[in-house]
Protein backbone atom coordinates (compact mmCIF):
# COMPACT_ATOMS: atom_id res chain seq x y z
CA MET A 1 34.43 6.31 15.69
CA ALA A 2 32.58 3.05 16.50
CA GLN A 3 29.40 2.45 18.50
CA GLU A 4 28.07 -0.94 19.63
CA TYR A 5 24.44 -2.06 19.55
CA ASP A 6 22.31 -5.15 19.94
CA LEU A 7 20.41 -4.18 16.80
CA VAL A 8 21.00 -1.72 13.99
CA ILE A 9 18.15 -1.08 11.55
CA LEU A 10 18.77 0.26 8.06
CA GLY A 11 15.69 2.29 7.19
CA GLY A 12 13.34 4.27 9.42
CA GLY A 13 10.10 3.60 7.57
CA THR A 14 7.06 1.95 9.12
CA GLY A 15 8.66 -1.49 9.22
CA GLY A 16 11.94 -0.17 10.58
CA TYR A 17 10.66 2.08 13.34
CA VAL A 18 8.04 -0.44 14.52
CA ALA A 19 10.79 -3.09 14.70
CA ALA A 20 12.90 -0.64 16.69
CA ILE A 21 10.11 -0.05 19.20
CA ARG A 22 9.62 -3.80 19.67
CA ALA A 23 13.37 -4.25 20.09
CA SER A 24 13.41 -1.53 22.73
CA GLN A 25 10.56 -3.28 24.57
CA LEU A 26 12.66 -6.44 24.61
CA GLY A 27 15.61 -4.59 26.10
CA LEU A 28 17.79 -4.39 22.99
CA LYS A 29 20.07 -1.39 22.56
CA THR A 30 18.87 -0.20 19.17
CA ALA A 31 19.79 2.30 16.48
CA ILE A 32 18.13 3.34 13.23
CA VAL A 33 19.99 4.65 10.20
CA GLU A 34 17.79 6.82 7.98
CA ARG A 35 18.99 9.30 5.36
CA GLU A 36 15.64 11.09 4.99
CA LYS A 37 12.83 11.45 7.54
CA LEU A 38 11.65 8.83 10.00
CA GLY A 39 8.36 7.34 8.84
CA GLY A 40 9.62 6.53 5.36
CA THR A 41 7.52 6.27 2.23
CA CYS A 42 4.28 5.49 4.05
CA LEU A 43 4.31 8.62 6.17
CA HIS A 44 5.93 11.08 3.77
CA LYS A 45 5.35 9.84 0.20
CA GLY A 46 2.62 7.23 0.31
CA CYS A 47 -0.12 6.05 2.66
CA ILE A 48 -0.70 9.11 4.81
CA PRO A 49 -0.31 12.05 2.38
CA SER A 50 -2.24 10.29 -0.39
CA LYS A 51 -5.11 9.45 1.95
CA ALA A 52 -5.17 13.05 3.17
CA LEU A 53 -5.61 14.18 -0.45
CA LEU A 54 -8.23 11.49 -1.04
CA ARG A 55 -10.17 12.73 1.97
CA SER A 56 -10.17 16.30 0.64
CA ALA A 57 -11.37 14.99 -2.73
CA GLU A 58 -14.13 13.07 -0.93
CA VAL A 59 -15.27 16.15 0.98
CA TYR A 60 -15.35 18.17 -2.25
CA ARG A 61 -17.39 15.49 -4.03
CA GLN A 62 -19.80 15.18 -1.10
CA THR A 63 -20.18 18.94 -0.85
CA LYS A 64 -21.22 19.10 -4.49
CA GLU A 65 -23.84 16.45 -3.68
CA ALA A 66 -25.10 18.25 -0.55
CA SER A 67 -28.42 19.19 -2.14
CA ASP A 68 -29.26 15.48 -2.34
CA TYR A 69 -29.33 15.54 1.47
CA GLY A 70 -31.47 18.66 1.67
CA ILE A 71 -28.56 21.03 2.22
CA ASP A 72 -28.41 23.91 -0.26
CA ILE A 73 -25.04 25.65 -0.54
CA GLU A 74 -23.25 27.82 -3.04
CA THR A 75 -20.96 26.23 -5.60
CA PRO A 76 -17.93 24.86 -3.71
CA LEU A 77 -14.44 25.81 -4.84
CA ILE A 78 -11.18 23.90 -4.46
CA ASN A 79 -8.40 25.72 -2.64
CA PHE A 80 -5.63 23.28 -3.50
CA ALA A 81 -3.03 25.20 -1.53
CA LYS A 82 -5.10 24.57 1.62
CA VAL A 83 -5.57 20.93 0.59
CA GLN A 84 -1.80 20.56 0.48
CA GLU A 85 -1.37 22.52 3.70
CA ARG A 86 -3.76 20.17 5.50
CA LYS A 87 -1.87 17.16 4.16
CA GLU A 88 1.46 18.56 5.38
CA THR A 89 -0.01 19.33 8.81
CA ILE A 90 -1.14 15.72 9.21
CA VAL A 91 2.23 14.36 8.07
CA ASP A 92 4.12 16.72 10.37
CA HIS A 93 1.96 15.75 13.35
CA LEU A 94 2.56 12.05 12.79
CA HIS A 95 6.28 12.60 12.15
CA LYS A 96 6.63 14.34 15.51
CA GLY A 97 4.79 11.40 17.05
CA VAL A 98 7.31 8.94 15.61
CA LEU A 99 10.20 11.06 16.90
CA GLY A 100 8.56 11.01 20.32
CA LEU A 101 8.31 7.22 20.22
CA MET A 102 12.00 6.97 19.38
CA LYS A 103 12.88 9.19 22.33
CA LYS A 104 10.62 7.18 24.62
CA GLY A 105 12.29 3.94 23.54
CA LYS A 106 15.79 5.41 23.85
CA ILE A 107 16.44 4.51 20.23
CA ASP A 108 19.41 6.26 18.62
CA ILE A 109 18.88 7.87 15.22
CA TYR A 110 21.67 8.35 12.67
CA GLU A 111 20.71 10.70 9.85
CA GLY A 112 22.79 9.35 7.00
CA PHE A 113 23.22 6.57 4.47
CA GLY A 114 24.13 3.17 5.87
CA ARG A 115 26.39 0.78 4.00
CA VAL A 116 27.00 -2.80 5.13
CA LEU A 117 30.61 -3.87 5.55
CA GLY A 118 32.05 -7.35 5.28
CA PRO A 119 34.30 -8.90 7.93
CA SER A 120 36.70 -6.20 9.06
CA ILE A 121 38.73 -4.87 11.94
CA PHE A 122 35.45 -3.89 13.56
CA SER A 123 33.93 -7.39 13.54
CA PRO A 124 34.85 -10.86 12.22
CA ASN A 125 31.29 -11.08 10.83
CA ALA A 126 29.70 -9.11 8.02
CA GLY A 127 27.15 -6.57 9.16
CA THR A 128 28.96 -3.59 10.62
CA VAL A 129 27.27 -0.48 9.23
CA SER A 130 29.24 2.50 7.98
CA VAL A 131 27.07 5.61 8.20
CA GLU A 132 27.87 8.25 5.59
CA PHE A 133 26.74 11.82 6.32
CA GLU A 134 25.83 14.44 3.72
CA SER A 135 27.72 17.01 5.74
CA GLY A 136 30.96 15.24 4.88
CA GLU A 137 31.86 14.54 8.49
CA GLU A 138 33.71 11.35 9.31
CA ASN A 139 31.76 8.11 8.90
CA GLU A 140 30.29 6.51 12.00
CA MET A 141 30.79 2.76 12.44
CA LEU A 142 27.93 0.86 14.05
CA ILE A 143 28.88 -2.61 15.31
CA SER A 144 25.85 -4.73 16.05
CA ARG A 145 24.96 -8.25 17.14
CA ASN A 146 22.07 -8.16 14.66
CA LEU A 147 21.26 -6.10 11.58
CA LEU A 148 17.79 -5.51 10.13
CA ILE A 149 17.49 -4.19 6.57
CA ALA A 150 14.25 -2.25 6.05
CA THR A 151 15.17 0.08 3.20
CA GLY A 152 11.81 -0.08 1.42
CA SER A 153 11.22 0.62 -2.25
CA LYS A 154 10.93 3.37 -4.84
CA PRO A 155 8.63 3.94 -7.84
CA ARG A 156 9.40 1.71 -10.81
CA GLU A 157 10.46 3.48 -14.01
CA ILE A 158 10.16 2.65 -17.71
CA ASP A 159 13.27 2.62 -19.89
CA GLY A 160 13.15 5.57 -22.25
CA VAL A 161 10.72 7.60 -20.14
CA GLU A 162 12.50 10.56 -18.55
CA LEU A 163 10.94 11.70 -15.31
CA ASP A 164 11.11 15.48 -14.98
CA GLY A 165 8.73 16.01 -12.07
CA GLU A 166 6.78 18.57 -14.08
CA LEU A 167 5.15 16.87 -17.07
CA ILE A 168 6.03 13.25 -16.29
CA LEU A 169 5.64 12.31 -12.64
CA THR A 170 5.77 9.48 -10.18
CA SER A 171 3.44 9.44 -7.18
CA ASP A 172 6.28 11.08 -5.20
CA HIS A 173 6.15 14.10 -7.52
CA ALA A 174 2.36 14.16 -7.70
CA LEU A 175 2.03 14.53 -3.93
CA THR A 176 3.80 17.89 -4.11
CA MET A 177 1.84 19.42 -7.02
CA GLU A 178 1.09 23.07 -6.30
CA GLN A 179 -2.03 23.08 -8.44
CA LEU A 180 -4.31 20.54 -10.03
CA PRO A 181 -3.89 19.87 -13.76
CA ASN A 182 -6.88 19.95 -16.05
CA SER A 183 -6.03 16.49 -17.35
CA MET A 184 -3.81 13.54 -16.44
CA ILE A 185 -2.73 10.32 -18.12
CA ILE A 186 -2.06 7.60 -15.57
CA VAL A 187 0.08 4.71 -16.79
CA GLY A 188 -0.71 1.75 -14.57
CA GLY A 189 -4.06 0.52 -13.30
CA GLY A 190 -2.82 -1.01 -10.06
CA VAL A 191 -3.54 0.18 -6.54
CA ILE A 192 -1.64 3.47 -6.66
CA GLY A 193 -2.84 4.34 -10.14
CA ILE A 194 -6.49 3.70 -9.32
CA GLU A 195 -6.35 5.68 -6.07
CA TRP A 196 -4.91 8.64 -7.98
CA ALA A 197 -7.44 8.24 -10.80
CA SER A 198 -10.34 8.26 -8.34
CA MET A 199 -8.96 11.21 -6.39
CA LEU A 200 -8.24 13.35 -9.44
CA ALA A 201 -11.63 12.59 -10.96
CA ASP A 202 -13.30 13.70 -7.73
CA PHE A 203 -11.26 16.92 -8.04
CA GLN A 204 -12.77 17.27 -11.57
CA VAL A 205 -9.54 16.44 -13.42
CA ASN A 206 -9.98 14.62 -16.74
CA VAL A 207 -8.28 11.24 -16.26
CA THR A 208 -7.21 8.50 -18.65
CA VAL A 209 -5.85 5.22 -17.25
CA VAL A 210 -3.59 3.06 -19.42
CA GLU A 211 -3.16 -0.53 -18.21
CA PHE A 212 -1.00 -3.25 -19.76
CA ALA A 213 -3.14 -6.14 -18.42
CA ASP A 214 -6.61 -7.02 -19.64
CA ARG A 215 -8.24 -5.33 -16.64
CA ILE A 216 -7.42 -2.80 -13.96
CA LEU A 217 -6.57 -4.13 -10.50
CA PRO A 218 -5.71 -7.54 -11.96
CA SER A 219 -4.78 -8.97 -8.54
CA GLU A 220 -8.30 -8.37 -7.19
CA ASP A 221 -11.27 -10.70 -7.57
CA LEU A 222 -12.68 -10.45 -11.09
CA GLU A 223 -16.07 -9.19 -9.89
CA ILE A 224 -14.38 -6.43 -7.89
CA SER A 225 -12.34 -5.41 -10.92
CA LYS A 226 -15.43 -5.27 -13.12
CA GLU A 227 -17.39 -3.23 -10.58
CA ILE A 228 -14.66 -0.64 -10.00
CA THR A 229 -14.20 -0.34 -13.76
CA ARG A 230 -17.90 0.41 -14.16
CA LEU A 231 -17.94 2.95 -11.36
CA LEU A 232 -14.76 4.74 -12.44
CA LYS A 233 -16.11 5.05 -15.97
CA LYS A 234 -19.30 6.45 -14.44
CA LYS A 235 -17.09 9.18 -12.90
CA GLY A 236 -15.88 10.00 -16.42
CA ILE A 237 -12.51 8.23 -16.21
CA LYS A 238 -11.32 6.73 -19.50
CA ILE A 239 -9.80 3.28 -19.09
CA ILE A 240 -7.69 1.63 -21.79
CA THR A 241 -6.62 -1.95 -21.05
CA ASN A 242 -4.35 -4.27 -23.04
CA ALA A 243 -2.36 -1.14 -23.81
CA THR A 244 1.36 -0.41 -23.98
CA LEU A 245 2.98 3.00 -23.63
CA LEU A 246 5.42 3.76 -26.46
CA PRO A 247 8.23 5.84 -24.88
CA GLU A 248 9.72 6.89 -28.21
CA THR A 249 6.49 8.74 -29.10
CA ILE A 250 6.53 11.08 -26.09
CA LYS A 251 6.38 14.76 -26.99
CA ARG A 252 6.70 17.52 -24.42
CA SER A 253 5.65 21.13 -24.81
CA SER A 254 3.23 22.94 -22.55
CA ASN A 255 1.59 19.53 -22.14
CA ILE A 256 2.42 15.87 -22.81
CA GLU A 257 1.56 13.83 -25.89
CA VAL A 258 2.18 10.09 -26.17
CA GLU A 259 1.04 7.10 -28.20
CA VAL A 260 -0.14 3.81 -26.77
CA GLU A 261 -0.51 0.55 -28.63
CA HIS A 262 -3.97 -0.92 -28.14
CA LYS A 263 -5.31 -3.95 -30.03
CA GLN A 264 -2.60 -3.61 -32.68
CA GLU A 265 -3.54 0.00 -33.23
CA ARG A 266 -1.98 3.21 -32.00
CA LYS A 267 -3.84 5.84 -30.03
CA VAL A 268 -2.56 9.37 -29.43
CA LEU A 269 -3.20 10.68 -25.92
CA THR A 270 -2.64 14.23 -24.70
CA ALA A 271 -2.86 15.68 -21.22
CA ASP A 272 -1.35 18.33 -18.96
CA LYS A 273 0.65 15.68 -17.11
CA LEU A 274 1.48 11.97 -17.16
CA LEU A 275 1.69 9.93 -13.95
CA LEU A 276 3.83 6.80 -14.10
CA SER A 277 2.39 4.27 -11.68
CA ILE A 278 3.62 0.78 -12.58
CA GLY A 279 4.65 -0.56 -9.20
CA ARG A 280 7.70 -0.25 -7.00
CA VAL A 281 11.21 -1.74 -6.91
CA ALA A 282 13.24 -2.75 -3.87
CA ASN A 283 15.89 -0.37 -2.52
CA SER A 284 18.63 -2.99 -2.37
CA LYS A 285 21.35 -1.37 -4.46
CA HIS A 286 24.40 0.42 -3.02
CA LEU A 287 23.83 -1.10 0.43
CA GLY A 288 27.04 -3.12 0.39
CA LEU A 289 25.22 -6.45 0.14
CA GLU A 290 28.03 -7.70 -2.10
CA ASN A 291 30.18 -7.67 1.05
CA THR A 292 27.98 -10.37 2.56
CA GLU A 293 26.54 -13.79 1.71
CA ILE A 294 23.06 -12.26 1.29
CA LYS A 295 21.20 -13.43 -1.82
CA VAL A 296 19.19 -11.06 -4.02
CA ASP A 297 16.74 -12.26 -6.70
CA LYS A 298 16.40 -10.97 -10.27
CA GLN A 299 13.93 -8.27 -9.14
CA GLY A 300 16.42 -6.94 -6.61
CA CYS A 301 14.55 -8.35 -3.61
CA ILE A 302 16.52 -9.78 -0.70
CA GLU A 303 15.88 -13.49 -0.11
CA VAL A 304 14.83 -14.44 3.43
CA ASN A 305 13.37 -17.38 5.33
CA GLN A 306 10.07 -17.45 7.22
CA PHE A 307 11.61 -15.47 10.08
CA TYR A 308 13.19 -12.93 7.68
CA GLN A 309 16.75 -14.15 8.12
CA THR A 310 19.04 -13.75 5.13
CA LYS A 311 21.87 -16.13 4.25
CA GLU A 312 23.75 -14.32 7.01
CA SER A 313 21.75 -15.62 9.98
CA HIS A 314 22.34 -12.49 12.09
CA ILE A 315 21.17 -10.20 9.28
CA TYR A 316 17.43 -9.91 8.69
CA ALA A 317 15.38 -8.06 6.05
CA ILE A 318 11.71 -7.01 5.99
CA GLY A 319 9.18 -4.95 4.05
CA ASP A 320 9.30 -3.83 0.45
CA VAL A 321 12.98 -4.72 0.10
CA ILE A 322 12.05 -8.43 0.27
CA GLY A 323 9.14 -8.08 -2.19
CA GLY A 324 5.88 -9.74 -1.26
CA MET A 325 2.81 -7.67 -0.46
CA GLN A 326 4.66 -4.33 -0.10
CA LEU A 327 2.23 -2.85 2.43
CA ALA A 328 3.05 -0.79 5.51
CA HIS A 329 1.12 -3.01 7.90
CA VAL A 330 2.85 -6.07 6.46
CA ALA A 331 6.30 -4.53 6.95
CA SER A 332 5.44 -3.65 10.55
CA HIS A 333 4.37 -7.18 11.35
CA GLU A 334 7.39 -8.66 9.61
CA GLY A 335 9.60 -6.36 11.66
CA VAL A 336 8.06 -7.54 14.91
CA VAL A 337 8.50 -11.21 13.91
CA ALA A 338 12.13 -10.62 12.91
CA VAL A 339 12.99 -8.85 16.19
CA GLU A 340 11.22 -11.46 18.30
CA HIS A 341 13.01 -14.25 16.43
CA MET A 342 16.47 -12.73 16.95
CA SER A 343 15.49 -12.34 20.62
CA GLU A 344 14.49 -16.03 20.83
CA GLN A 345 10.84 -15.21 21.55
CA LYS A 346 9.55 -17.96 19.20
CA PRO A 347 7.10 -15.79 17.21
CA LEU A 348 4.45 -17.20 14.92
CA THR A 349 5.26 -16.95 11.23
CA VAL A 350 3.14 -14.68 9.04
CA ASN A 351 0.28 -16.27 7.09
CA TYR A 352 0.03 -13.88 4.16
CA ARG A 353 -3.36 -15.24 3.12
CA ASN A 354 -4.81 -13.72 6.30
CA ILE A 355 -3.52 -10.18 5.67
CA PRO A 356 -6.18 -7.68 4.54
CA THR A 357 -5.44 -5.33 1.64
CA CYS A 358 -7.13 -1.98 1.05
CA ILE A 359 -7.58 0.41 -1.86
CA TYR A 360 -8.77 3.89 -0.90
CA SER A 361 -10.49 4.85 -4.13
CA HIS A 362 -14.14 5.86 -4.27
CA PRO A 363 -15.67 3.43 -3.74
CA GLU A 364 -13.16 1.74 -1.47
CA ILE A 365 -11.98 -1.83 -2.01
CA ALA A 366 -10.84 -4.29 0.65
CA SER A 367 -10.06 -7.98 0.56
CA VAL A 368 -8.49 -10.86 2.46
CA GLY A 369 -7.75 -14.41 1.38
CA LEU A 370 -8.14 -16.01 -2.03
CA THR A 371 -9.99 -14.62 -5.01
CA GLU A 372 -12.53 -16.90 -6.65
CA GLN A 373 -10.14 -17.74 -9.49
CA GLN A 374 -7.23 -18.39 -7.11
CA ALA A 375 -9.38 -20.78 -5.09
CA ILE A 376 -10.41 -22.67 -8.23
CA ASP A 377 -6.83 -22.78 -9.48
CA GLN A 378 -5.73 -24.26 -6.14
CA GLY A 379 -8.22 -27.08 -6.54
CA TYR A 380 -10.99 -25.97 -4.22
CA THR A 381 -14.63 -26.61 -4.95
CA ILE A 382 -16.16 -23.34 -3.91
CA LYS A 383 -19.43 -21.80 -2.90
CA SER A 384 -19.96 -18.10 -2.49
CA GLY A 385 -22.43 -15.51 -1.33
CA LYS A 386 -22.77 -11.88 -2.35
CA VAL A 387 -24.86 -9.02 -1.00
CA SER A 388 -25.25 -5.60 -2.56
CA PHE A 389 -25.08 -2.49 -0.41
CA LYS A 390 -28.32 -1.45 -2.09
CA SER A 391 -30.08 -3.78 0.36
CA ILE A 392 -28.35 -2.35 3.43
CA GLY A 393 -30.23 0.41 5.26
CA LYS A 394 -27.12 2.23 6.54
CA ALA A 395 -25.75 2.46 2.99
CA LEU A 396 -29.00 4.12 1.88
CA VAL A 397 -28.80 6.52 4.83
CA HIS A 398 -25.19 7.23 3.97
CA GLY A 399 -26.21 7.96 0.39
CA ASP A 400 -23.72 5.57 -1.19
CA THR A 401 -25.13 2.19 -2.21
CA ASP A 402 -22.66 1.13 -4.90
CA GLY A 403 -20.74 -2.08 -4.32
CA PHE A 404 -21.11 -5.39 -2.52
CA VAL A 405 -19.59 -7.89 -0.10
CA LYS A 406 -18.61 -11.30 -1.46
CA ILE A 407 -17.61 -14.31 0.64
CA ILE A 408 -15.97 -17.43 -0.79
CA SER A 409 -15.77 -20.74 1.08
CA ASP A 410 -14.74 -24.35 0.55
CA LYS A 411 -17.83 -26.34 -0.42
CA ASN A 412 -16.43 -29.53 1.11
CA THR A 413 -15.25 -28.20 4.49
CA ASN A 414 -17.14 -24.87 4.78
CA ASP A 415 -13.81 -23.17 5.58
CA LEU A 416 -13.61 -19.48 4.75
CA LEU A 417 -11.32 -18.91 1.74
CA GLY A 418 -11.71 -15.23 0.93
CA VAL A 419 -13.73 -12.07 1.51
CA HIS A 420 -13.92 -9.25 -1.03
CA MET A 421 -15.65 -5.90 -0.59
CA ILE A 422 -16.23 -2.80 -2.65
CA GLY A 423 -18.20 0.12 -1.28
CA THR A 424 -18.19 2.93 1.24
CA HIS A 425 -16.00 2.43 4.32
CA VAL A 426 -15.11 -1.17 3.47
CA THR A 427 -11.49 -0.53 4.45
CA ASP A 428 -12.80 -0.11 8.00
CA MET A 429 -14.90 -3.28 7.75
CA ILE A 430 -12.30 -5.73 6.43
CA SER A 431 -10.74 -6.40 9.84
CA GLU A 432 -13.76 -8.50 10.83
CA ALA A 433 -13.07 -10.72 7.84
CA GLY A 434 -9.36 -10.79 8.68
CA LEU A 435 -10.11 -11.97 12.21
CA ALA A 436 -12.48 -14.59 10.83
CA MET A 437 -9.67 -15.90 8.61
CA ILE A 438 -7.26 -16.12 11.55
CA LEU A 439 -9.84 -17.94 13.67
CA ASP A 440 -10.58 -20.30 10.76
CA ALA A 441 -14.23 -19.34 10.90
CA THR A 442 -16.93 -20.62 8.58
CA PRO A 443 -19.56 -18.45 6.89
CA TRP A 444 -22.13 -20.04 9.23
CA GLU A 445 -20.19 -18.75 12.25
CA ILE A 446 -19.95 -15.27 10.74
CA GLY A 447 -23.68 -15.38 10.09
CA GLN A 448 -24.31 -16.30 13.73
CA SER A 449 -22.54 -13.12 14.83
CA ILE A 450 -25.26 -10.51 15.38
CA HIS A 451 -24.38 -7.37 13.43
CA PRO A 452 -25.86 -4.09 14.72
CA HIS A 453 -28.66 -2.45 12.78
CA PRO A 454 -28.37 -0.16 11.01
CA SER A 455 -24.72 -0.63 10.10
CA LEU A 456 -22.68 -1.24 6.97
CA SER A 457 -21.29 -4.37 8.64
CA GLU A 458 -24.69 -6.02 8.18
CA ALA A 459 -23.53 -6.68 4.62
CA ILE A 460 -20.89 -9.09 5.98
CA GLY A 461 -23.46 -11.04 7.96
CA GLU A 462 -25.86 -11.13 5.02
CA ALA A 463 -23.13 -12.28 2.62
CA ALA A 464 -22.19 -15.06 5.07
CA LEU A 465 -25.83 -16.17 5.19
CA ALA A 466 -25.97 -15.96 1.39
CA VAL A 467 -23.25 -18.62 1.13
CA GLU A 468 -25.78 -21.06 2.61
CA GLY A 469 -28.70 -19.62 0.66
CA ARG A 470 -30.10 -18.03 3.84
CA LYS A 471 -29.69 -14.30 3.36
CA ILE A 472 -32.58 -12.22 4.67
CA HIS A 473 -32.15 -8.99 2.72
CA GLY A 474 -31.06 -8.57 -0.88
């Protein structure tokens, strides 16, 4: 049986369903093919459930510190079953919301696996989608004027390391743990690894982070990386950098034992569980791309132009499957651009330098633009300003003064190059910096914006003034 559409989307994650909504707004008859649940990794295995767990960890940590605020309570206890129940309630609520949006937009949903066909009896062009159903019922053929591939990514694995979901986990497995372990080895000091390390430490789990690079969060500004390292160690987290996991040394019993190579020496690590967190790989296999002219790079990422067109001009791809920043908000924006381009709306291309990134550890980290080293490497002569939250009244009131805001600008033109923050609620503050980047603001202009007092955002204004040597506090 064949159905015809203006647009078929492979993948119902954040990028896919947002693209579908925009397509519906533009009057396109649209369908999504998704073999799991709408919302994808972000809603079910990533952003939302992990942040729900992080919030519970934060409440537990703050409750233990309640006496510092003059509130005396009995020793708090973790009910991890209720923690997980709360997480699932949030995910379920948002999932129902997405389903409602699909119904509102009259977007058809096919619950199955979509495979791209080449030219066939259905269409002279590649891009017809054959939907395979787990029930074994006959495949559905979706013939479409345009196809958007938004199949996302999955956790990267290490050759020789067998994932069993019990002793050796990915973040997908960890989200469904029924009880907290006493100890955890986390292999990978990137964003996901550090969020899990911070969360588990706040839940009083003994954590060891093993990172191959010479520092954790190597893509962040060096000062941010140093500060989060200091603060995580203060929590009791052990951090081993310049270290390589040796898969052949893994021993499993009631716990996990493994050796890592560190500075030409071997260290034996033991823990209840090991979390493998070394990035993600594009879901580009088994999609039928070999039936098309679409190009895929060595990492398995689909190659696209600035409007997300593949080598087949009517087939687009967005999100994690094309590599890049691999963030939900990036995929959503890419999806909108792709749909508007295929609809001849002449959208603006995405300037990735202006996209904020967030890490929801404690303390939080947020940034936009170039790091100091990136700016230097690109030939800029820079000037910068930095303000500690210790000088900000609202941070003192909040009881969390660790961290700072750092602003980097071009010394010759005064153009804003990058903003980097570490501290409480900085993921909520970074949008001001993102807007400043889009508007091509200078630190002077940011400093002229009157920030309310007392507020954490005062740190942004002070850091902007600090670039010119004019900061008032700190």
